[in-house]
């Protein structure tokens, strides 16, 4: 991490919550064994993308159930803990629209209540963000309806989970910009936040890196 930031100019890192590749033998993201990494993230003011690697278990399709299940699992681990009480400035990005999170927002709110946690907006949303790698219009509509605009970061993919053209639309599945453009849930100002403003806030080293290059 230190080399990536200080020598290579990285503005974020990828944090794999399941180094076992589908066996889930690693401690939860809230475990203190992760704290040295979090201390450096806060020191450098960089977020972590919470994204698993491939699965070593044939029962799991890597980019299908393994990826999306991991997104949901990571969110639930954070919900059960109090990590951001110890690291109020730590920032995580959960990809693929958060897996099942937006679809089951009511369930997660109810579980937070049952566990004696604050409302999710207070408990997690100062620190947790979601990207727009969701491959159809209804999915983006749901994401932008349930999750506050300030917590959504634009993302698309060049070599993603689905590389084909959707025969129903004639466009690539992973052309996520057109879904963000078309959703009725965002104003023009909110779209600007999703496409640019939120990223510049969550990734503060990005502007510094561009300034150092004279851009």
N, C-alpha and C. Protein backbone atom coordinates (compact mmCIF):
# COMPACT_ATOMS: atom_id res chain seq x y z
N UNK A 1 0.83 -1.19 0.00
CA UNK A 1 0.00 0.00 0.00
C UNK A 1 0.86 1.25 0.00
N UNK A 2 1.87 1.26 0.86
CA UNK A 2 2.76 2.42 0.93
C UNK A 2 3.46 2.63 -0.41
N UNK A 3 3.96 1.57 -1.00
CA UNK A 3 4.64 1.69 -2.30
C UNK A 3 3.66 2.16 -3.37
N UNK A 4 2.46 1.60 -3.35
CA UNK A 4 1.47 1.97 -4.37
C UNK A 4 1.15 3.46 -4.32
N UNK A 5 1.06 4.00 -3.12
CA UNK A 5 0.72 5.41 -2.98
C UNK A 5 1.93 6.31 -3.19
N UNK A 6 3.01 6.00 -2.49
CA UNK A 6 4.14 6.93 -2.49
C UNK A 6 4.99 6.84 -3.75
N UNK A 7 5.09 5.66 -4.34
CA UNK A 7 5.92 5.52 -5.53
C UNK A 7 5.12 5.49 -6.82
N UNK A 8 3.93 4.93 -6.77
CA UNK A 8 3.16 4.74 -8.00
C UNK A 8 2.00 5.72 -8.15
N UNK A 9 1.73 6.50 -7.11
CA UNK A 9 0.69 7.52 -7.20
C UNK A 9 -0.72 6.99 -7.15
N UNK A 10 -0.94 5.85 -6.54
CA UNK A 10 -2.28 5.29 -6.45
C UNK A 10 -3.21 6.22 -5.67
N UNK A 11 -4.46 6.30 -6.11
CA UNK A 11 -5.45 7.13 -5.43
C UNK A 11 -6.49 6.29 -4.69
N UNK A 12 -6.39 4.97 -4.81
CA UNK A 12 -7.22 4.05 -4.02
C UNK A 12 -6.54 2.69 -4.02
N UNK A 13 -7.08 1.77 -3.22
CA UNK A 13 -6.62 0.38 -3.27
C UNK A 13 -7.83 -0.53 -3.41
N UNK A 14 -7.59 -1.76 -3.82
CA UNK A 14 -8.62 -2.79 -3.79
C UNK A 14 -8.39 -3.63 -2.53
N UNK A 15 -9.43 -3.84 -1.78
CA UNK A 15 -9.37 -4.63 -0.56
C UNK A 15 -10.24 -5.87 -0.73
N UNK A 16 -9.62 -7.03 -0.69
CA UNK A 16 -10.34 -8.28 -0.90
C UNK A 16 -10.80 -8.83 0.46
N UNK A 17 -12.11 -8.84 0.71
CA UNK A 17 -12.59 -9.33 2.01
C UNK A 17 -12.58 -10.85 2.12
N UNK A 18 -12.25 -11.53 1.01
CA UNK A 18 -12.22 -12.99 1.01
C UNK A 18 -10.98 -13.49 0.28
N UNK A 19 -9.79 -13.34 0.88
CA UNK A 19 -8.57 -13.82 0.21
C UNK A 19 -8.56 -15.31 -0.05
N UNK A 20 -9.46 -16.05 0.58
CA UNK A 20 -9.50 -17.50 0.39
C UNK A 20 -10.16 -17.90 -0.93
N UNK A 21 -10.78 -16.95 -1.64
CA UNK A 21 -11.37 -17.26 -2.92
C UNK A 21 -12.65 -18.07 -2.84
N UNK A 22 -13.52 -17.72 -1.93
CA UNK A 22 -14.80 -18.40 -1.83
C UNK A 22 -14.99 -19.23 -0.59
N UNK A 23 -13.94 -19.44 0.17
CA UNK A 23 -14.06 -20.22 1.41
C UNK A 23 -14.45 -19.35 2.60
N UNK A 24 -14.24 -18.05 2.48
CA UNK A 24 -14.60 -17.07 3.52
C UNK A 24 -13.98 -17.43 4.87
N UNK A 25 -12.68 -17.64 4.84
CA UNK A 25 -11.97 -17.96 6.08
C UNK A 25 -11.33 -16.73 6.73
N UNK A 26 -11.35 -15.60 6.04
CA UNK A 26 -10.72 -14.39 6.59
C UNK A 26 -11.62 -13.76 7.66
N UNK A 27 -11.01 -13.05 8.61
CA UNK A 27 -11.83 -12.33 9.58
C UNK A 27 -12.70 -11.28 8.87
N UNK A 28 -13.78 -10.91 9.51
CA UNK A 28 -14.67 -9.89 8.96
C UNK A 28 -13.92 -8.56 8.80
N UNK A 29 -14.44 -7.70 7.94
CA UNK A 29 -13.80 -6.41 7.70
C UNK A 29 -13.72 -5.55 8.95
N UNK A 30 -14.52 -5.85 9.93
CA UNK A 30 -14.50 -5.08 11.18
C UNK A 30 -13.49 -5.62 12.19
N UNK A 31 -12.84 -6.72 11.86
CA UNK A 31 -11.87 -7.32 12.79
C UNK A 31 -10.64 -6.42 12.92
N UNK A 32 -10.05 -6.41 14.10
CA UNK A 32 -8.92 -5.51 14.35
C UNK A 32 -7.67 -5.89 13.55
N UNK A 33 -7.63 -7.10 13.01
CA UNK A 33 -6.48 -7.48 12.20
C UNK A 33 -6.36 -6.62 10.94
N UNK A 34 -7.47 -6.01 10.51
CA UNK A 34 -7.44 -5.12 9.35
C UNK A 34 -6.99 -3.70 9.71
N UNK A 35 -6.93 -3.38 10.98
CA UNK A 35 -6.74 -1.99 11.39
C UNK A 35 -5.45 -1.35 10.86
N UNK A 36 -4.33 -2.07 10.78
CA UNK A 36 -3.14 -1.41 10.20
C UNK A 36 -3.36 -0.91 8.77
N UNK A 37 -4.14 -1.66 7.99
CA UNK A 37 -4.47 -1.20 6.64
C UNK A 37 -5.34 0.04 6.71
N UNK A 38 -6.33 0.02 7.57
CA UNK A 38 -7.24 1.17 7.67
C UNK A 38 -6.51 2.42 8.16
N UNK A 39 -5.57 2.23 9.06
CA UNK A 39 -4.80 3.38 9.55
C UNK A 39 -4.06 4.06 8.41
N UNK A 40 -3.50 3.26 7.50
CA UNK A 40 -2.79 3.83 6.34
C UNK A 40 -3.75 4.48 5.36
N UNK A 41 -4.91 3.87 5.17
CA UNK A 41 -5.90 4.46 4.27
C UNK A 41 -6.31 5.85 4.76
N UNK A 42 -6.54 5.97 6.04
CA UNK A 42 -6.92 7.26 6.61
C UNK A 42 -5.76 8.25 6.51
N UNK A 43 -4.57 7.78 6.80
CA UNK A 43 -3.39 8.66 6.72
C UNK A 43 -3.22 9.21 5.31
N UNK A 44 -3.40 8.36 4.31
CA UNK A 44 -3.21 8.78 2.92
C UNK A 44 -4.45 9.40 2.29
N UNK A 45 -5.56 9.37 3.01
CA UNK A 45 -6.84 9.89 2.49
C UNK A 45 -7.24 9.21 1.19
N UNK A 46 -7.20 7.88 1.20
CA UNK A 46 -7.64 7.13 0.03
C UNK A 46 -8.69 6.11 0.45
N UNK A 47 -9.66 5.85 -0.41
CA UNK A 47 -10.67 4.84 -0.11
C UNK A 47 -10.20 3.46 -0.53
N UNK A 48 -10.96 2.47 -0.13
CA UNK A 48 -10.72 1.10 -0.59
C UNK A 48 -11.95 0.61 -1.33
N UNK A 49 -11.73 0.04 -2.50
CA UNK A 49 -12.78 -0.68 -3.19
C UNK A 49 -12.87 -2.08 -2.59
N UNK A 50 -14.02 -2.45 -2.06
CA UNK A 50 -14.21 -3.77 -1.46
C UNK A 50 -14.63 -4.72 -2.58
N UNK A 51 -13.70 -5.53 -3.07
CA UNK A 51 -13.96 -6.35 -4.25
C UNK A 51 -13.20 -7.66 -4.12
N UNK A 52 -13.92 -8.77 -4.17
CA UNK A 52 -13.26 -10.06 -4.07
C UNK A 52 -12.54 -10.41 -5.37
N UNK A 53 -11.70 -11.43 -5.29
CA UNK A 53 -11.03 -11.97 -6.47
C UNK A 53 -11.87 -13.14 -6.99
N UNK A 54 -11.27 -13.98 -7.78
CA UNK A 54 -12.01 -15.11 -8.35
C UNK A 54 -12.37 -16.13 -7.27
N UNK A 55 -13.26 -17.03 -7.60
CA UNK A 55 -13.66 -18.08 -6.68
C UNK A 55 -12.94 -19.38 -7.02
N UNK A 56 -12.47 -20.08 -5.99
CA UNK A 56 -11.84 -21.39 -6.19
C UNK A 56 -12.85 -22.52 -6.04
N UNK A 57 -14.12 -22.17 -5.79
CA UNK A 57 -15.16 -23.19 -5.60
C UNK A 57 -16.04 -23.25 -6.84
N UNK A 58 -16.17 -24.42 -7.45
CA UNK A 58 -16.97 -24.52 -8.68
C UNK A 58 -18.45 -24.22 -8.46
N UNK A 59 -18.89 -24.27 -7.20
CA UNK A 59 -20.29 -23.95 -6.94
C UNK A 59 -20.59 -22.47 -7.16
N UNK A 60 -19.55 -21.63 -7.14
CA UNK A 60 -19.72 -20.19 -7.28
C UNK A 60 -19.26 -19.74 -8.66
N UNK A 61 -20.11 -19.05 -9.38
CA UNK A 61 -19.70 -18.37 -10.60
C UNK A 61 -19.05 -17.06 -10.17
N UNK A 62 -17.83 -16.83 -10.62
CA UNK A 62 -17.04 -15.72 -10.07
C UNK A 62 -17.75 -14.39 -10.20
N UNK A 63 -18.16 -14.02 -11.42
CA UNK A 63 -18.73 -12.69 -11.61
C UNK A 63 -20.23 -12.64 -11.36
N UNK A 64 -20.83 -13.81 -11.07
CA UNK A 64 -22.24 -13.83 -10.77
C UNK A 64 -22.49 -13.88 -9.28
N UNK A 65 -22.69 -15.06 -8.74
CA UNK A 65 -23.03 -15.14 -7.32
C UNK A 65 -21.87 -14.78 -6.40
N UNK A 66 -20.62 -15.08 -6.78
CA UNK A 66 -19.51 -14.79 -5.87
C UNK A 66 -19.32 -13.29 -5.70
N UNK A 67 -19.24 -12.55 -6.79
CA UNK A 67 -19.07 -11.10 -6.69
C UNK A 67 -20.24 -10.45 -5.95
N UNK A 68 -21.45 -10.73 -6.40
CA UNK A 68 -22.61 -10.05 -5.83
C UNK A 68 -22.87 -10.48 -4.40
N UNK A 69 -22.62 -11.75 -4.11
CA UNK A 69 -22.74 -12.20 -2.74
C UNK A 69 -21.72 -11.55 -1.82
N UNK A 70 -20.52 -11.34 -2.35
CA UNK A 70 -19.48 -10.71 -1.54
C UNK A 70 -19.81 -9.25 -1.25
N UNK A 71 -20.39 -8.55 -2.22
CA UNK A 71 -20.81 -7.17 -1.98
C UNK A 71 -21.80 -7.11 -0.82
N UNK A 72 -22.76 -8.00 -0.86
CA UNK A 72 -23.78 -8.04 0.18
C UNK A 72 -23.18 -8.43 1.53
N UNK A 73 -22.28 -9.42 1.51
CA UNK A 73 -21.64 -9.86 2.74
C UNK A 73 -20.81 -8.75 3.38
N UNK A 74 -20.06 -8.03 2.55
CA UNK A 74 -19.24 -6.93 3.07
C UNK A 74 -20.12 -5.89 3.75
N UNK A 75 -21.22 -5.54 3.11
CA UNK A 75 -22.12 -4.54 3.71
C UNK A 75 -22.66 -5.04 5.05
N UNK A 76 -23.04 -6.30 5.10
CA UNK A 76 -23.59 -6.85 6.34
C UNK A 76 -22.53 -6.90 7.44
N UNK A 77 -21.30 -7.22 7.09
CA UNK A 77 -20.23 -7.20 8.09
C UNK A 77 -20.09 -5.80 8.68
N UNK A 78 -20.14 -4.80 7.83
CA UNK A 78 -20.03 -3.42 8.32
C UNK A 78 -21.23 -3.03 9.17
N UNK A 79 -22.40 -3.50 8.76
CA UNK A 79 -23.62 -3.19 9.52
C UNK A 79 -23.54 -3.77 10.94
N UNK A 80 -23.03 -4.99 11.07
CA UNK A 80 -22.99 -5.65 12.37
C UNK A 80 -21.97 -5.02 13.31
N UNK A 81 -20.97 -4.36 12.76
CA UNK A 81 -19.90 -3.82 13.59
C UNK A 81 -20.02 -2.33 13.85
N UNK A 82 -18.95 -1.78 14.39
CA UNK A 82 -18.88 -0.34 14.67
C UNK A 82 -17.55 0.20 14.18
N UNK A 83 -17.13 -0.25 13.00
CA UNK A 83 -15.82 0.12 12.48
C UNK A 83 -15.63 1.62 12.35
N UNK A 84 -16.66 2.32 11.92
CA UNK A 84 -16.50 3.73 11.63
C UNK A 84 -16.53 4.61 12.88
N UNK A 85 -16.83 3.99 14.01
CA UNK A 85 -16.63 4.69 15.28
C UNK A 85 -15.15 4.84 15.55
N UNK A 86 -14.36 3.81 15.17
CA UNK A 86 -12.91 3.87 15.33
C UNK A 86 -12.24 4.62 14.18
N UNK A 87 -12.86 4.58 12.98
CA UNK A 87 -12.27 5.22 11.81
C UNK A 87 -13.32 6.09 11.12
N UNK A 88 -13.66 7.24 11.70
CA UNK A 88 -14.72 8.07 11.12
C UNK A 88 -14.40 8.62 9.75
N UNK A 89 -13.13 8.63 9.36
CA UNK A 89 -12.75 9.17 8.05
C UNK A 89 -12.47 8.09 7.02
N UNK A 90 -12.64 6.82 7.38
CA UNK A 90 -12.40 5.73 6.46
C UNK A 90 -13.52 5.66 5.42
N UNK A 91 -13.15 5.38 4.18
CA UNK A 91 -14.15 5.32 3.11
C UNK A 91 -14.00 4.02 2.31
N UNK A 92 -15.14 3.36 2.10
CA UNK A 92 -15.20 2.15 1.31
C UNK A 92 -16.14 2.35 0.13
N UNK A 93 -15.80 1.76 -1.01
CA UNK A 93 -16.70 1.71 -2.16
C UNK A 93 -17.07 0.25 -2.39
N UNK A 94 -18.37 -0.03 -2.40
CA UNK A 94 -18.86 -1.37 -2.68
C UNK A 94 -19.35 -1.39 -4.12
N UNK A 95 -18.82 -2.27 -4.96
CA UNK A 95 -19.15 -2.23 -6.39
C UNK A 95 -20.49 -2.88 -6.71
N UNK A 96 -20.82 -2.85 -8.01
CA UNK A 96 -21.99 -3.54 -8.56
C UNK A 96 -23.28 -3.09 -7.90
N UNK A 97 -23.33 -1.79 -7.59
CA UNK A 97 -24.53 -1.26 -6.98
C UNK A 97 -24.81 -1.76 -5.58
N UNK A 98 -23.82 -2.43 -4.97
CA UNK A 98 -24.01 -2.94 -3.62
C UNK A 98 -24.57 -4.34 -3.54
N UNK A 99 -24.58 -5.06 -4.68
CA UNK A 99 -25.14 -6.41 -4.63
C UNK A 99 -26.63 -6.37 -4.33
N UNK A 100 -27.04 -7.04 -3.28
CA UNK A 100 -28.47 -7.07 -2.90
C UNK A 100 -28.87 -5.89 -2.03
N UNK A 101 -27.94 -5.02 -1.70
CA UNK A 101 -28.20 -4.01 -0.68
C UNK A 101 -29.39 -3.10 -1.03
N UNK A 102 -29.40 -2.44 -2.20
CA UNK A 102 -30.54 -1.54 -2.45
C UNK A 102 -31.88 -2.28 -2.50
N UNK A 103 -31.87 -3.48 -3.07
CA UNK A 103 -33.10 -4.24 -3.22
C UNK A 103 -33.67 -4.63 -1.86
N UNK A 104 -32.79 -4.84 -0.88
CA UNK A 104 -33.23 -5.28 0.45
C UNK A 104 -32.94 -4.22 1.52
N UNK A 105 -33.02 -2.96 1.14
CA UNK A 105 -32.71 -1.87 2.07
C UNK A 105 -33.58 -1.95 3.33
N UNK A 106 -34.84 -2.30 3.16
CA UNK A 106 -35.72 -2.43 4.32
C UNK A 106 -35.27 -3.52 5.27
N UNK A 107 -34.81 -4.63 4.71
CA UNK A 107 -34.29 -5.72 5.55
C UNK A 107 -33.08 -5.24 6.34
N UNK A 108 -32.17 -4.54 5.68
CA UNK A 108 -30.96 -4.09 6.38
C UNK A 108 -31.30 -3.04 7.43
N UNK A 109 -32.25 -2.17 7.16
CA UNK A 109 -32.69 -1.20 8.17
C UNK A 109 -33.25 -1.93 9.38
N UNK A 110 -34.09 -2.95 9.11
CA UNK A 110 -34.67 -3.71 10.21
C UNK A 110 -33.63 -4.47 11.00
N UNK A 111 -32.64 -5.04 10.32
CA UNK A 111 -31.58 -5.76 11.03
C UNK A 111 -30.74 -4.80 11.87
N UNK A 112 -30.51 -3.61 11.35
CA UNK A 112 -29.77 -2.61 12.14
C UNK A 112 -30.52 -2.28 13.42
N UNK A 113 -31.83 -2.12 13.32
CA UNK A 113 -32.64 -1.86 14.52
C UNK A 113 -32.54 -3.03 15.49
N UNK A 114 -32.65 -4.24 14.97
CA UNK A 114 -32.61 -5.42 15.85
C UNK A 114 -31.27 -5.55 16.56
N UNK A 115 -30.21 -5.08 15.90
CA UNK A 115 -28.87 -5.17 16.48
C UNK A 115 -28.51 -3.94 17.32
N UNK A 116 -29.45 -3.05 17.48
CA UNK A 116 -29.21 -1.86 18.29
C UNK A 116 -28.33 -0.83 17.63
N UNK A 117 -28.30 -0.82 16.31
CA UNK A 117 -27.47 0.13 15.56
C UNK A 117 -28.31 1.35 15.17
N UNK A 118 -27.65 2.46 14.87
CA UNK A 118 -28.40 3.62 14.39
C UNK A 118 -28.98 3.36 13.00
N UNK A 119 -29.80 4.29 12.52
CA UNK A 119 -30.27 4.22 11.14
C UNK A 119 -29.08 4.12 10.20
N UNK A 120 -29.26 3.44 9.08
CA UNK A 120 -28.15 3.17 8.17
C UNK A 120 -27.48 4.45 7.67
N UNK A 121 -28.28 5.50 7.46
CA UNK A 121 -27.68 6.75 6.98
C UNK A 121 -26.63 7.26 7.96
N UNK A 122 -26.90 7.12 9.24
CA UNK A 122 -25.95 7.57 10.27
C UNK A 122 -24.86 6.52 10.51
N UNK A 123 -25.25 5.26 10.48
CA UNK A 123 -24.33 4.18 10.85
C UNK A 123 -23.27 3.92 9.78
N UNK A 124 -23.68 4.01 8.49
CA UNK A 124 -22.76 3.58 7.42
C UNK A 124 -22.56 4.59 6.29
N UNK A 125 -23.55 5.41 6.00
CA UNK A 125 -23.49 6.16 4.75
C UNK A 125 -22.60 7.40 4.77
N UNK A 126 -21.98 7.70 5.90
CA UNK A 126 -20.91 8.70 5.88
C UNK A 126 -19.61 8.10 5.36
N UNK A 127 -19.58 6.78 5.24
CA UNK A 127 -18.32 6.08 4.94
C UNK A 127 -18.41 5.08 3.80
N UNK A 128 -19.61 4.67 3.42
CA UNK A 128 -19.78 3.61 2.43
C UNK A 128 -20.47 4.17 1.19
N UNK A 129 -19.91 3.82 0.02
CA UNK A 129 -20.41 4.32 -1.25
C UNK A 129 -20.62 3.14 -2.20
N UNK A 130 -21.42 3.36 -3.24
CA UNK A 130 -21.78 2.30 -4.16
C UNK A 130 -21.55 2.78 -5.59
N UNK A 131 -21.12 1.87 -6.46
CA UNK A 131 -20.92 2.29 -7.85
C UNK A 131 -22.09 1.86 -8.73
N UNK A 132 -22.04 2.28 -10.00
CA UNK A 132 -23.17 2.08 -10.90
C UNK A 132 -22.97 0.92 -11.88
N UNK A 133 -22.14 -0.06 -11.54
CA UNK A 133 -21.98 -1.22 -12.42
C UNK A 133 -23.18 -2.14 -12.27
N UNK A 134 -24.29 -1.66 -12.76
CA UNK A 134 -25.56 -2.37 -12.76
C UNK A 134 -26.06 -2.34 -14.20
N UNK A 135 -26.45 -3.48 -14.73
CA UNK A 135 -26.53 -3.63 -16.18
C UNK A 135 -27.93 -3.54 -16.79
N UNK A 136 -28.83 -2.87 -16.12
CA UNK A 136 -30.12 -2.60 -16.77
C UNK A 136 -30.76 -1.37 -16.13
N UNK A 137 -31.71 -0.78 -16.88
CA UNK A 137 -32.31 0.47 -16.43
C UNK A 137 -33.07 0.33 -15.11
N UNK A 138 -33.88 -0.71 -14.92
CA UNK A 138 -34.58 -0.82 -13.64
C UNK A 138 -33.62 -0.90 -12.44
N UNK A 139 -32.45 -1.53 -12.64
CA UNK A 139 -31.48 -1.62 -11.55
C UNK A 139 -30.92 -0.26 -11.16
N UNK A 140 -30.58 0.55 -12.15
CA UNK A 140 -30.09 1.90 -11.86
C UNK A 140 -31.20 2.75 -11.27
N UNK A 141 -32.41 2.57 -11.75
CA UNK A 141 -33.53 3.32 -11.18
C UNK A 141 -33.70 2.99 -9.70
N UNK A 142 -33.58 1.71 -9.36
CA UNK A 142 -33.71 1.31 -7.96
C UNK A 142 -32.57 1.88 -7.13
N UNK A 143 -31.35 1.76 -7.65
CA UNK A 143 -30.19 2.27 -6.92
C UNK A 143 -30.34 3.76 -6.62
N UNK A 144 -30.75 4.53 -7.62
CA UNK A 144 -30.84 5.99 -7.45
C UNK A 144 -32.07 6.40 -6.67
N UNK A 145 -33.03 5.51 -6.52
CA UNK A 145 -34.20 5.81 -5.70
C UNK A 145 -33.94 5.52 -4.22
N UNK A 146 -33.19 4.45 -3.95
CA UNK A 146 -33.01 3.99 -2.57
C UNK A 146 -31.79 4.63 -1.91
N UNK A 147 -30.67 4.70 -2.63
CA UNK A 147 -29.41 5.17 -2.06
C UNK A 147 -29.29 6.68 -2.30
N UNK A 148 -28.89 7.45 -1.28
CA UNK A 148 -28.72 8.89 -1.48
C UNK A 148 -27.74 9.19 -2.61
N UNK A 149 -28.01 10.22 -3.36
CA UNK A 149 -27.17 10.57 -4.50
C UNK A 149 -25.71 10.75 -4.09
N UNK A 150 -25.48 11.30 -2.91
CA UNK A 150 -24.12 11.57 -2.44
C UNK A 150 -23.31 10.30 -2.24
N UNK A 151 -23.97 9.16 -2.24
CA UNK A 151 -23.28 7.89 -2.00
C UNK A 151 -23.15 7.04 -3.26
N UNK A 152 -23.42 7.62 -4.42
CA UNK A 152 -23.36 6.86 -5.67
C UNK A 152 -22.24 7.41 -6.55
N UNK A 153 -21.35 6.52 -7.00
CA UNK A 153 -20.23 6.89 -7.86
C UNK A 153 -20.40 6.20 -9.21
N UNK A 154 -20.22 6.96 -10.28
CA UNK A 154 -20.32 6.37 -11.61
C UNK A 154 -19.20 5.37 -11.83
N UNK A 155 -19.55 4.23 -12.43
CA UNK A 155 -18.56 3.25 -12.87
C UNK A 155 -19.14 2.49 -14.04
N UNK A 156 -18.29 2.15 -14.98
CA UNK A 156 -18.64 1.29 -16.08
C UNK A 156 -17.49 0.31 -16.25
N UNK A 157 -17.57 -0.55 -17.26
CA UNK A 157 -16.53 -1.56 -17.42
C UNK A 157 -16.18 -1.74 -18.89
N UNK A 158 -14.91 -2.00 -19.14
CA UNK A 158 -14.46 -2.31 -20.50
C UNK A 158 -14.47 -3.81 -20.74
N UNK A 159 -14.01 -4.57 -19.77
CA UNK A 159 -14.03 -6.03 -19.84
C UNK A 159 -14.72 -6.49 -18.56
N UNK A 160 -16.02 -6.42 -18.58
CA UNK A 160 -16.76 -6.66 -17.36
C UNK A 160 -17.37 -8.04 -17.28
N UNK A 161 -18.32 -8.17 -16.37
CA UNK A 161 -18.96 -9.46 -16.14
C UNK A 161 -19.77 -9.91 -17.35
N UNK A 162 -20.34 -8.95 -18.07
CA UNK A 162 -21.13 -9.24 -19.27
C UNK A 162 -20.58 -8.39 -20.40
N UNK A 163 -20.11 -9.03 -21.46
CA UNK A 163 -19.42 -8.31 -22.53
C UNK A 163 -20.23 -8.24 -23.82
N UNK A 164 -21.47 -8.64 -23.77
CA UNK A 164 -22.27 -8.74 -24.97
C UNK A 164 -23.21 -7.55 -25.14
N UNK A 165 -23.83 -7.48 -26.30
CA UNK A 165 -24.86 -6.48 -26.58
C UNK A 165 -26.22 -7.05 -26.17
N UNK A 166 -26.98 -6.24 -25.49
CA UNK A 166 -28.33 -6.64 -25.08
C UNK A 166 -29.23 -6.60 -26.32
N UNK A 167 -29.77 -7.74 -26.73
CA UNK A 167 -30.60 -7.75 -27.94
C UNK A 167 -31.88 -6.93 -27.80
N UNK A 168 -32.27 -6.64 -26.58
CA UNK A 168 -33.49 -5.86 -26.38
C UNK A 168 -33.27 -4.36 -26.62
N UNK A 169 -32.02 -3.93 -26.45
CA UNK A 169 -31.75 -2.49 -26.58
C UNK A 169 -30.79 -2.16 -27.71
N UNK A 170 -29.97 -3.15 -28.13
CA UNK A 170 -28.95 -2.88 -29.13
C UNK A 170 -27.70 -2.23 -28.57
N UNK A 171 -27.61 -2.12 -27.25
CA UNK A 171 -26.45 -1.51 -26.59
C UNK A 171 -25.77 -2.55 -25.70
N UNK A 172 -24.50 -2.31 -25.42
CA UNK A 172 -23.79 -3.19 -24.51
C UNK A 172 -24.43 -3.16 -23.13
N UNK A 173 -24.50 -4.32 -22.49
CA UNK A 173 -25.04 -4.39 -21.14
C UNK A 173 -24.32 -3.44 -20.20
N UNK A 174 -22.98 -3.35 -20.34
CA UNK A 174 -22.20 -2.57 -19.37
C UNK A 174 -22.03 -1.11 -19.77
N UNK A 175 -22.85 -0.62 -20.69
CA UNK A 175 -22.87 0.81 -21.01
C UNK A 175 -23.73 1.50 -19.96
N UNK A 176 -23.18 1.67 -18.79
CA UNK A 176 -23.98 2.14 -17.66
C UNK A 176 -24.28 3.63 -17.72
N UNK A 177 -23.53 4.39 -18.50
CA UNK A 177 -23.79 5.83 -18.57
C UNK A 177 -25.19 6.11 -19.10
N UNK A 178 -25.62 5.34 -20.08
CA UNK A 178 -26.93 5.60 -20.66
C UNK A 178 -28.05 5.35 -19.64
N UNK A 179 -27.82 4.42 -18.70
CA UNK A 179 -28.82 4.19 -17.66
C UNK A 179 -28.88 5.37 -16.69
N UNK A 180 -27.71 5.88 -16.31
CA UNK A 180 -27.67 7.04 -15.42
C UNK A 180 -28.29 8.26 -16.10
N UNK A 181 -27.99 8.42 -17.38
CA UNK A 181 -28.57 9.54 -18.13
C UNK A 181 -30.10 9.45 -18.18
N UNK A 182 -30.62 8.23 -18.26
CA UNK A 182 -32.05 8.05 -18.50
C UNK A 182 -32.89 7.95 -17.24
N UNK A 183 -32.28 7.72 -16.09
CA UNK A 183 -33.12 7.52 -14.90
C UNK A 183 -33.88 8.79 -14.55
N UNK A 184 -35.15 8.67 -14.18
CA UNK A 184 -35.93 9.85 -13.80
C UNK A 184 -35.66 10.31 -12.37
N UNK A 185 -34.81 9.59 -11.66
CA UNK A 185 -34.62 9.87 -10.23
C UNK A 185 -33.52 10.90 -9.95
N UNK A 186 -32.83 11.37 -10.99
CA UNK A 186 -31.73 12.31 -10.78
C UNK A 186 -31.98 13.61 -11.55
N UNK A 187 -31.70 14.72 -10.90
CA UNK A 187 -31.67 16.00 -11.59
C UNK A 187 -30.34 16.14 -12.31
N UNK A 188 -30.21 17.15 -13.14
CA UNK A 188 -28.93 17.38 -13.82
C UNK A 188 -27.81 17.61 -12.81
N UNK A 189 -28.11 18.33 -11.75
CA UNK A 189 -27.09 18.59 -10.72
C UNK A 189 -26.70 17.29 -10.03
N UNK A 190 -27.66 16.42 -9.79
CA UNK A 190 -27.36 15.14 -9.14
C UNK A 190 -26.58 14.23 -10.07
N UNK A 191 -26.88 14.27 -11.36
CA UNK A 191 -26.09 13.48 -12.32
C UNK A 191 -24.64 13.94 -12.31
N UNK A 192 -24.44 15.23 -12.20
CA UNK A 192 -23.07 15.74 -12.15
C UNK A 192 -22.33 15.21 -10.93
N UNK A 193 -23.05 15.09 -9.81
CA UNK A 193 -22.43 14.50 -8.62
C UNK A 193 -22.05 13.05 -8.86
N UNK A 194 -22.96 12.28 -9.46
CA UNK A 194 -22.70 10.87 -9.71
C UNK A 194 -21.53 10.69 -10.68
N UNK A 195 -21.50 11.50 -11.74
CA UNK A 195 -20.47 11.34 -12.76
C UNK A 195 -19.11 11.89 -12.32
N UNK A 196 -19.10 12.90 -11.46
CA UNK A 196 -17.82 13.54 -11.16
C UNK A 196 -17.67 14.02 -9.72
N UNK A 197 -18.64 14.77 -9.24
CA UNK A 197 -18.47 15.44 -7.96
C UNK A 197 -18.22 14.50 -6.80
N UNK A 198 -18.97 13.42 -6.73
CA UNK A 198 -18.80 12.48 -5.61
C UNK A 198 -17.43 11.83 -5.65
N UNK A 199 -16.97 11.47 -6.84
CA UNK A 199 -15.66 10.83 -6.96
C UNK A 199 -14.55 11.77 -6.50
N UNK A 200 -14.67 13.03 -6.83
CA UNK A 200 -13.62 13.99 -6.43
C UNK A 200 -13.61 14.19 -4.91
N UNK A 201 -14.76 13.96 -4.29
CA UNK A 201 -14.83 14.09 -2.83
C UNK A 201 -14.30 12.82 -2.16
N UNK A 202 -14.65 11.65 -2.71
CA UNK A 202 -14.25 10.37 -2.10
C UNK A 202 -12.79 10.05 -2.39
N UNK A 203 -12.28 10.52 -3.53
CA UNK A 203 -10.90 10.27 -3.94
C UNK A 203 -10.12 11.60 -3.97
N UNK A 204 -9.84 12.21 -2.82
CA UNK A 204 -9.21 13.53 -2.83
C UNK A 204 -7.82 13.56 -3.44
N UNK A 205 -7.12 12.43 -3.45
CA UNK A 205 -5.78 12.43 -4.03
C UNK A 205 -5.82 12.51 -5.55
N UNK A 206 -6.97 12.26 -6.14
CA UNK A 206 -7.09 12.33 -7.59
C UNK A 206 -6.83 13.73 -8.10
N UNK A 207 -7.46 14.71 -7.49
CA UNK A 207 -7.23 16.10 -7.91
C UNK A 207 -5.78 16.52 -7.68
N UNK A 208 -5.20 16.05 -6.61
CA UNK A 208 -3.80 16.39 -6.34
C UNK A 208 -2.89 15.78 -7.40
N UNK A 209 -3.19 14.54 -7.79
CA UNK A 209 -2.38 13.89 -8.81
C UNK A 209 -2.50 14.62 -10.14
N UNK A 210 -3.71 15.04 -10.48
CA UNK A 210 -3.91 15.77 -11.74
C UNK A 210 -3.23 17.12 -11.68
N UNK A 211 -3.29 17.78 -10.53
CA UNK A 211 -2.64 19.09 -10.39
C UNK A 211 -1.14 18.95 -10.54
N UNK A 212 -0.59 17.86 -10.01
CA UNK A 212 0.85 17.65 -10.12
C UNK A 212 1.28 17.43 -11.57
N UNK A 213 0.33 16.96 -12.40
CA UNK A 213 0.62 16.75 -13.81
C UNK A 213 0.26 17.98 -14.66
N UNK A 214 -0.19 19.02 -13.99
CA UNK A 214 -0.56 20.23 -14.70
C UNK A 214 -1.88 20.13 -15.43
N UNK A 215 -2.78 19.26 -14.96
CA UNK A 215 -4.08 19.07 -15.61
C UNK A 215 -5.20 19.64 -14.77
